[in-house]
Amino acid sequence: MSAKQIEVYSPASIANLGPGFDVFGIALDEIGDTLRVELVQEPGVEV
């Protein structure tokens, strides 16, 4: 990864576990989203 690039990982989660509705949750270790952003010279956005 270069100095003009950043990568962020956010684990998936499970909520609404029985009596702990909207209070308890679990973050999953293996599943999630990774976002990588890099600063480049060309104008525009690439997804």
C-alpha atoms as a PDB file:
ATOM      1  CA  MET A   1       0.000   0.000   0.000  1.00  0.00           C
ATOM      2  CA  SER A   2       1.402   3.413  -0.958  1.00  0.00           C
ATOM      3  CA  ALA A   3       1.399   6.604   1.129  1.00  0.00           C
ATOM      4  CA  LYS A   4      -1.572   7.864  -0.927  1.00  0.00           C
ATOM      5  CA  GLN A   5      -3.761   4.848  -0.219  1.00  0.00           C
ATOM      6  CA  ILE A   6      -5.829   3.750   2.775  1.00  0.00           C
ATOM      7  CA  GLU A   7      -7.710   0.519   3.461  1.00  0.00           C
ATOM      8  CA  VAL A   8     -10.440   0.054   6.081  1.00  0.00           C
ATOM      9  CA  TYR A   9     -12.092  -3.220   7.141  1.00  0.00           C
ATOM     10  CA  SER A  10     -15.508  -3.380   8.801  1.00  0.00           C
ATOM     11  CA  PRO A  11     -16.650  -6.756  10.183  1.00  0.00           C
ATOM     12  CA  ALA A  12     -20.166  -7.982   9.501  1.00  0.00           C
ATOM     13  CA  SER A  13     -22.492  -8.160  12.482  1.00  0.00           C
ATOM     14  CA  ILE A  14     -25.554  -9.978  13.759  1.00  0.00           C
ATOM     15  CA  ALA A  15     -28.061  -8.146  15.962  1.00  0.00           C
ATOM     16  CA  ASN A  16     -31.446  -8.739  17.600  1.00  0.00           C
ATOM     17  CA  LEU A  17     -30.308 -11.675  19.743  1.00  0.00           C
ATOM     18  CA  GLY A  18     -33.381 -12.794  21.682  1.00  0.00           C
ATOM     19  CA  PRO A  19     -34.254 -10.678  24.744  1.00  0.00           C
ATOM     20  CA  GLY A  20     -31.428  -8.209  24.002  1.00  0.00           C
ATOM     21  CA  PHE A  21     -33.298  -6.634  21.067  1.00  0.00           C
ATOM     22  CA  ASP A  22     -31.259  -3.648  19.773  1.00  0.00           C
ATOM     23  CA  VAL A  23     -28.761  -4.066  22.639  1.00  0.00           C
ATOM     24  CA  PHE A  24     -26.772  -7.262  22.026  1.00  0.00           C
ATOM     25  CA  GLY A  25     -24.823  -7.920  18.850  1.00  0.00           C
ATOM     26  CA  ILE A  26     -21.993 -10.062  17.505  1.00  0.00           C
ATOM     27  CA  ALA A  27     -19.182  -8.950  15.167  1.00  0.00           C
ATOM     28  CA  LEU A  28     -18.160 -11.742  12.789  1.00  0.00           C
ATOM     29  CA  ASP A  29     -14.436 -12.301  12.221  1.00  0.00           C
ATOM     30  CA  GLU A  30     -14.451 -13.922   8.765  1.00  0.00           C
ATOM     31  CA  ILE A  31     -17.107 -11.865   6.948  1.00  0.00           C
ATOM     32  CA  GLY A  32     -17.043  -8.122   6.313  1.00  0.00           C
ATOM     33  CA  ASP A  33     -16.429  -5.260   3.903  1.00  0.00           C
ATOM     34  CA  THR A  34     -13.098  -3.784   2.834  1.00  0.00           C
ATOM     35  CA  LEU A  35     -12.895  -0.262   1.440  1.00  0.00           C
ATOM     36  CA  ARG A  36      -9.704   0.864  -0.310  1.00  0.00           C
ATOM     37  CA  VAL A  37      -9.256   4.513  -1.340  1.00  0.00           C
ATOM     38  CA  GLU A  38      -6.326   5.769  -3.423  1.00  0.00           C
ATOM     39  CA  LEU A  39      -5.439   9.332  -4.432  1.00  0.00           C
ATOM     40  CA  VAL A  40      -4.585   9.538  -8.160  1.00  0.00           C
ATOM     41  CA  GLN A  41      -3.754  12.349 -10.595  1.00  0.00           C
ATOM     42  CA  GLU A  42      -6.593  11.671 -13.071  1.00  0.00           C
ATOM     43  CA  PRO A  43     -10.002  13.296 -12.429  1.00  0.00           C
ATOM     44  CA  GLY A  44     -12.994  11.073 -11.671  1.00  0.00           C
ATOM     45  CA  VAL A  45     -14.070   8.198  -9.466  1.00  0.00           C
ATOM     46  CA  GLU A  46     -13.679   4.479 -10.194  1.00  0.00           C
ATOM     47  CA  VAL A  47     -15.661   1.848  -8.306  1.00  0.00           C
END
